[in-house]
Amino acid sequence: MQFSVVVPAHNEERWIGHGLATIAAARARYAGPVETIVVANRCTDATAEIAQRMGARVVENDARNIAAVRNAGAAAATGTALVTIDADCLMAPNALVEIARLLQSGRFVGG
C-alpha cells in the first residue's frame, strides 16, 4: 500500500517543521512508500519553503475553503491510500503502520 499524506497549510511556518518531522518518523516505521504533499494555501510566510526543504512536495492553492484545499492535495496524490493531517498537528509514530493494518483487514475503508 502506498500512502499519500496531505497537509493543508496556511501560514504555518511556526508548526510545519515539527508536524512534517512526525510524519517522517511515521514514514520511517512503515515498510511501504509514502509521499507527503503540503498544500500551501495563500501563504505569505515561509511555510512552502520549509516544507520543500523537509522533502515534501508543495502544491499551491488559493481556495478559501478547507475542503477545496484538501481536495487539491488529493488530486496531486499518487498513493493508493490517502491520509490528511493539519499542519499544526502531530502524527503518532505508528500511525501509518496502524492505518495500513486496519485497511488491510478488510473491515475498514476509512476513518
N, C-alpha and C. Protein backbone atom coordinates (compact mmCIF):
# COMPACT_ATOMS: atom_id res chain seq x y z
N MET A 1 0.85 -1.18 0.00
CA MET A 1 0.00 0.00 0.00
C MET A 1 0.90 1.24 0.00
N GLN A 2 0.58 2.17 -0.88
CA GLN A 2 1.31 3.43 -0.92
C GLN A 2 0.45 4.53 -0.32
N PHE A 3 1.01 5.24 0.64
CA PHE A 3 0.30 6.34 1.28
C PHE A 3 0.64 7.67 0.64
N SER A 4 -0.36 8.53 0.55
CA SER A 4 -0.17 9.94 0.26
C SER A 4 -0.68 10.68 1.48
N VAL A 5 0.20 11.43 2.12
CA VAL A 5 -0.18 12.23 3.29
C VAL A 5 -0.33 13.67 2.83
N VAL A 6 -1.54 14.21 2.97
CA VAL A 6 -1.85 15.56 2.52
C VAL A 6 -1.95 16.47 3.74
N VAL A 7 -1.22 17.59 3.67
CA VAL A 7 -1.16 18.54 4.77
C VAL A 7 -1.57 19.92 4.25
N PRO A 8 -2.82 20.35 4.50
CA PRO A 8 -3.19 21.71 4.12
C PRO A 8 -2.53 22.70 5.08
N ALA A 9 -2.03 23.80 4.53
CA ALA A 9 -1.28 24.74 5.38
C ALA A 9 -1.48 26.18 4.93
N HIS A 10 -1.87 27.02 5.86
CA HIS A 10 -1.99 28.46 5.62
C HIS A 10 -1.14 29.18 6.66
N ASN A 11 -0.02 29.72 6.22
CA ASN A 11 0.89 30.47 7.11
C ASN A 11 1.21 29.68 8.38
N GLU A 12 1.77 28.52 8.19
CA GLU A 12 2.06 27.60 9.30
C GLU A 12 3.56 27.46 9.57
N GLU A 13 4.36 28.47 9.24
CA GLU A 13 5.81 28.33 9.39
C GLU A 13 6.23 27.97 10.83
N ARG A 14 5.45 28.36 11.79
CA ARG A 14 5.77 28.03 13.20
C ARG A 14 5.62 26.55 13.49
N TRP A 15 4.71 25.87 12.78
CA TRP A 15 4.33 24.50 13.13
C TRP A 15 4.73 23.45 12.10
N ILE A 16 4.87 23.85 10.84
CA ILE A 16 5.00 22.88 9.76
C ILE A 16 6.23 21.98 9.91
N GLY A 17 7.33 22.51 10.38
CA GLY A 17 8.54 21.70 10.54
C GLY A 17 8.35 20.56 11.52
N HIS A 18 7.77 20.85 12.65
CA HIS A 18 7.55 19.81 13.66
C HIS A 18 6.54 18.79 13.17
N GLY A 19 5.47 19.27 12.55
CA GLY A 19 4.47 18.34 12.02
C GLY A 19 5.05 17.42 10.96
N LEU A 20 5.83 17.97 10.04
CA LEU A 20 6.45 17.14 9.00
C LEU A 20 7.47 16.17 9.58
N ALA A 21 8.14 16.57 10.64
CA ALA A 21 9.09 15.65 11.30
C ALA A 21 8.37 14.44 11.88
N THR A 22 7.16 14.64 12.40
CA THR A 22 6.41 13.50 12.95
C THR A 22 5.89 12.60 11.83
N ILE A 23 5.57 13.19 10.68
CA ILE A 23 5.17 12.38 9.53
C ILE A 23 6.37 11.56 9.05
N ALA A 24 7.55 12.17 9.03
CA ALA A 24 8.76 11.45 8.63
C ALA A 24 9.06 10.29 9.58
N ALA A 25 8.83 10.49 10.86
CA ALA A 25 9.05 9.41 11.84
C ALA A 25 8.07 8.26 11.60
N ALA A 26 6.82 8.58 11.29
CA ALA A 26 5.83 7.54 11.00
C ALA A 26 6.19 6.83 9.68
N ARG A 27 6.67 7.60 8.72
CA ARG A 27 7.08 7.03 7.43
C ARG A 27 8.24 6.06 7.63
N ALA A 28 9.15 6.36 8.52
CA ALA A 28 10.31 5.50 8.78
C ALA A 28 9.91 4.15 9.35
N ARG A 29 8.79 4.09 10.05
CA ARG A 29 8.32 2.83 10.65
C ARG A 29 7.48 2.00 9.68
N TYR A 30 7.06 2.61 8.60
CA TYR A 30 6.20 1.93 7.64
C TYR A 30 7.06 1.38 6.50
N ALA A 31 6.85 0.14 6.11
CA ALA A 31 7.70 -0.51 5.12
C ALA A 31 7.41 -0.07 3.68
N GLY A 32 6.24 0.48 3.42
CA GLY A 32 5.86 0.84 2.06
C GLY A 32 6.19 2.28 1.72
N PRO A 33 5.89 2.66 0.47
CA PRO A 33 6.16 4.03 0.03
C PRO A 33 5.17 5.03 0.63
N VAL A 34 5.69 6.22 0.92
CA VAL A 34 4.87 7.30 1.48
C VAL A 34 5.32 8.60 0.82
N GLU A 35 4.36 9.35 0.30
CA GLU A 35 4.66 10.70 -0.20
C GLU A 35 3.96 11.70 0.71
N THR A 36 4.58 12.85 0.90
CA THR A 36 3.98 13.91 1.70
C THR A 36 3.75 15.11 0.79
N ILE A 37 2.51 15.59 0.79
CA ILE A 37 2.13 16.72 -0.04
C ILE A 37 1.62 17.83 0.87
N VAL A 38 2.27 18.97 0.84
CA VAL A 38 1.80 20.14 1.58
C VAL A 38 1.08 21.05 0.60
N VAL A 39 -0.15 21.38 0.91
CA VAL A 39 -0.92 22.30 0.08
C VAL A 39 -0.80 23.68 0.71
N ALA A 40 0.04 24.51 0.11
CA ALA A 40 0.28 25.87 0.60
C ALA A 40 -0.89 26.73 0.15
N ASN A 41 -1.67 27.16 1.10
CA ASN A 41 -2.90 27.89 0.83
C ASN A 41 -2.73 29.37 1.15
N ARG A 42 -2.51 30.15 0.11
CA ARG A 42 -2.37 31.61 0.24
C ARG A 42 -1.33 32.00 1.28
N CYS A 43 -0.23 31.28 1.35
CA CYS A 43 0.81 31.54 2.35
C CYS A 43 1.59 32.80 2.00
N THR A 44 1.85 33.60 3.04
CA THR A 44 2.69 34.79 2.89
C THR A 44 3.94 34.67 3.76
N ASP A 45 4.16 33.49 4.31
CA ASP A 45 5.33 33.25 5.16
C ASP A 45 6.19 32.16 4.52
N ALA A 46 7.03 31.53 5.28
CA ALA A 46 7.99 30.54 4.77
C ALA A 46 7.46 29.10 4.81
N THR A 47 6.17 28.92 4.95
CA THR A 47 5.61 27.57 5.03
C THR A 47 6.06 26.69 3.87
N ALA A 48 5.89 27.16 2.65
CA ALA A 48 6.23 26.35 1.46
C ALA A 48 7.72 26.03 1.41
N GLU A 49 8.55 26.99 1.73
CA GLU A 49 9.99 26.78 1.69
C GLU A 49 10.43 25.75 2.72
N ILE A 50 9.87 25.83 3.91
CA ILE A 50 10.20 24.87 4.96
C ILE A 50 9.76 23.48 4.53
N ALA A 51 8.55 23.37 3.99
CA ALA A 51 8.03 22.08 3.55
C ALA A 51 8.92 21.47 2.46
N GLN A 52 9.31 22.27 1.49
CA GLN A 52 10.20 21.77 0.42
C GLN A 52 11.53 21.33 0.99
N ARG A 53 12.08 22.11 1.88
CA ARG A 53 13.38 21.77 2.49
C ARG A 53 13.30 20.45 3.25
N MET A 54 12.12 20.14 3.79
CA MET A 54 11.95 18.90 4.55
C MET A 54 11.51 17.74 3.67
N GLY A 55 11.50 17.94 2.36
CA GLY A 55 11.24 16.84 1.44
C GLY A 55 9.81 16.66 1.00
N ALA A 56 8.92 17.55 1.41
CA ALA A 56 7.53 17.44 0.98
C ALA A 56 7.37 18.04 -0.41
N ARG A 57 6.44 17.51 -1.16
CA ARG A 57 6.05 18.14 -2.42
C ARG A 57 5.06 19.23 -2.06
N VAL A 58 5.22 20.40 -2.64
CA VAL A 58 4.34 21.53 -2.33
C VAL A 58 3.45 21.82 -3.52
N VAL A 59 2.15 21.91 -3.23
CA VAL A 59 1.14 22.29 -4.21
C VAL A 59 0.56 23.61 -3.73
N GLU A 60 0.49 24.59 -4.62
CA GLU A 60 -0.10 25.89 -4.28
C GLU A 60 -1.59 25.85 -4.56
N ASN A 61 -2.38 26.48 -3.67
CA ASN A 61 -3.82 26.53 -3.86
C ASN A 61 -4.35 27.79 -3.20
N ASP A 62 -5.22 28.51 -3.90
CA ASP A 62 -5.75 29.78 -3.40
C ASP A 62 -7.19 29.71 -2.91
N ALA A 63 -7.75 28.53 -2.79
CA ALA A 63 -9.15 28.39 -2.36
C ALA A 63 -9.34 28.97 -0.96
N ARG A 64 -10.54 29.37 -0.68
CA ARG A 64 -10.89 29.87 0.65
C ARG A 64 -11.81 28.91 1.36
N ASN A 65 -11.58 27.62 1.12
CA ASN A 65 -12.41 26.56 1.67
C ASN A 65 -11.50 25.38 1.96
N ILE A 66 -11.45 24.93 3.20
CA ILE A 66 -10.51 23.88 3.60
C ILE A 66 -10.75 22.58 2.83
N ALA A 67 -11.99 22.28 2.50
CA ALA A 67 -12.26 21.07 1.73
C ALA A 67 -11.63 21.16 0.35
N ALA A 68 -11.71 22.32 -0.28
CA ALA A 68 -11.09 22.51 -1.59
C ALA A 68 -9.57 22.41 -1.50
N VAL A 69 -9.01 22.90 -0.41
CA VAL A 69 -7.56 22.82 -0.21
C VAL A 69 -7.14 21.36 -0.06
N ARG A 70 -7.84 20.61 0.77
CA ARG A 70 -7.55 19.18 0.92
C ARG A 70 -7.72 18.44 -0.41
N ASN A 71 -8.77 18.78 -1.16
CA ASN A 71 -9.02 18.13 -2.44
C ASN A 71 -7.90 18.43 -3.45
N ALA A 72 -7.30 19.61 -3.38
CA ALA A 72 -6.17 19.91 -4.25
C ALA A 72 -5.00 18.97 -3.95
N GLY A 73 -4.79 18.68 -2.68
CA GLY A 73 -3.75 17.72 -2.31
C GLY A 73 -4.11 16.32 -2.75
N ALA A 74 -5.37 15.95 -2.61
CA ALA A 74 -5.81 14.62 -3.05
C ALA A 74 -5.65 14.47 -4.56
N ALA A 75 -5.92 15.52 -5.30
CA ALA A 75 -5.78 15.46 -6.76
C ALA A 75 -4.32 15.28 -7.17
N ALA A 76 -3.40 15.78 -6.37
CA ALA A 76 -1.97 15.64 -6.68
C ALA A 76 -1.40 14.31 -6.19
N ALA A 77 -2.13 13.61 -5.35
CA ALA A 77 -1.63 12.39 -4.72
C ALA A 77 -1.52 11.24 -5.72
N THR A 78 -0.52 10.39 -5.48
CA THR A 78 -0.32 9.20 -6.32
C THR A 78 -0.50 7.91 -5.53
N GLY A 79 -0.73 8.00 -4.24
CA GLY A 79 -0.85 6.82 -3.39
C GLY A 79 -2.17 6.10 -3.56
N THR A 80 -2.21 4.89 -3.03
CA THR A 80 -3.44 4.10 -3.04
C THR A 80 -4.28 4.36 -1.80
N ALA A 81 -3.70 4.99 -0.79
CA ALA A 81 -4.42 5.35 0.43
C ALA A 81 -4.09 6.80 0.76
N LEU A 82 -5.10 7.56 1.12
CA LEU A 82 -4.95 8.98 1.40
C LEU A 82 -5.12 9.23 2.89
N VAL A 83 -4.17 9.96 3.46
CA VAL A 83 -4.23 10.37 4.86
C VAL A 83 -4.11 11.89 4.87
N THR A 84 -4.98 12.57 5.62
CA THR A 84 -4.84 14.01 5.77
C THR A 84 -4.58 14.33 7.23
N ILE A 85 -3.78 15.35 7.43
CA ILE A 85 -3.47 15.81 8.78
C ILE A 85 -3.19 17.31 8.70
N ASP A 86 -3.69 18.06 9.64
CA ASP A 86 -3.48 19.50 9.63
C ASP A 86 -2.03 19.84 9.95
N ALA A 87 -1.59 20.99 9.47
CA ALA A 87 -0.19 21.40 9.61
C ALA A 87 0.22 21.62 11.07
N ASP A 88 -0.72 21.92 11.92
CA ASP A 88 -0.39 22.17 13.32
C ASP A 88 -0.64 20.94 14.20
N CYS A 89 -0.77 19.78 13.57
CA CYS A 89 -0.99 18.53 14.31
C CYS A 89 0.22 17.63 14.19
N LEU A 90 0.33 16.68 15.10
CA LEU A 90 1.44 15.75 15.13
C LEU A 90 0.94 14.34 14.84
N MET A 91 1.67 13.60 14.01
CA MET A 91 1.30 12.24 13.67
C MET A 91 1.96 11.28 14.64
N ALA A 92 1.21 10.33 15.14
CA ALA A 92 1.76 9.31 16.04
C ALA A 92 2.77 8.46 15.27
N PRO A 93 3.83 8.01 15.93
CA PRO A 93 4.88 7.24 15.25
C PRO A 93 4.39 5.99 14.53
N ASN A 94 3.37 5.33 15.05
CA ASN A 94 2.86 4.10 14.43
C ASN A 94 1.60 4.34 13.60
N ALA A 95 1.27 5.58 13.31
CA ALA A 95 0.00 5.88 12.63
C ALA A 95 -0.11 5.18 11.29
N LEU A 96 0.88 5.27 10.45
CA LEU A 96 0.78 4.67 9.12
C LEU A 96 0.76 3.15 9.19
N VAL A 97 1.52 2.58 10.11
CA VAL A 97 1.51 1.12 10.30
C VAL A 97 0.11 0.67 10.71
N GLU A 98 -0.49 1.39 11.64
CA GLU A 98 -1.82 1.03 12.12
C GLU A 98 -2.90 1.25 11.07
N ILE A 99 -2.81 2.33 10.33
CA ILE A 99 -3.79 2.58 9.27
C ILE A 99 -3.70 1.47 8.23
N ALA A 100 -2.51 1.10 7.83
CA ALA A 100 -2.34 0.01 6.85
C ALA A 100 -2.92 -1.29 7.38
N ARG A 101 -2.64 -1.58 8.64
CA ARG A 101 -3.15 -2.82 9.25
C ARG A 101 -4.68 -2.84 9.22
N LEU A 102 -5.29 -1.75 9.58
CA LEU A 102 -6.75 -1.67 9.61
C LEU A 102 -7.35 -1.75 8.21
N LEU A 103 -6.76 -1.04 7.26
CA LEU A 103 -7.29 -1.10 5.89
C LEU A 103 -7.14 -2.50 5.29
N GLN A 104 -6.02 -3.14 5.56
CA GLN A 104 -5.77 -4.48 5.00
C GLN A 104 -6.63 -5.55 5.67
N SER A 105 -7.21 -5.23 6.81
CA SER A 105 -8.08 -6.21 7.47
C SER A 105 -9.37 -6.44 6.70
N GLY A 106 -9.72 -5.50 5.85
CA GLY A 106 -10.97 -5.61 5.10
C GLY A 106 -12.19 -5.15 5.87
N ARG A 107 -12.00 -4.80 7.12
CA ARG A 107 -13.12 -4.35 7.95
C ARG A 107 -13.33 -2.85 7.90
N PHE A 108 -12.36 -2.14 7.35
CA PHE A 108 -12.43 -0.67 7.33
C PHE A 108 -12.10 -0.14 5.93
N VAL A 109 -12.73 0.96 5.56
CA VAL A 109 -12.42 1.62 4.31
C VAL A 109 -11.96 3.05 4.53
N GLY A 110 -12.05 3.53 5.74
CA GLY A 110 -11.63 4.91 6.06
C GLY A 110 -11.97 5.22 7.50
N GLY A 111 -11.65 6.42 7.89
CA GLY A 111 -11.94 6.79 9.26
C GLY A 111 -11.74 8.25 9.49
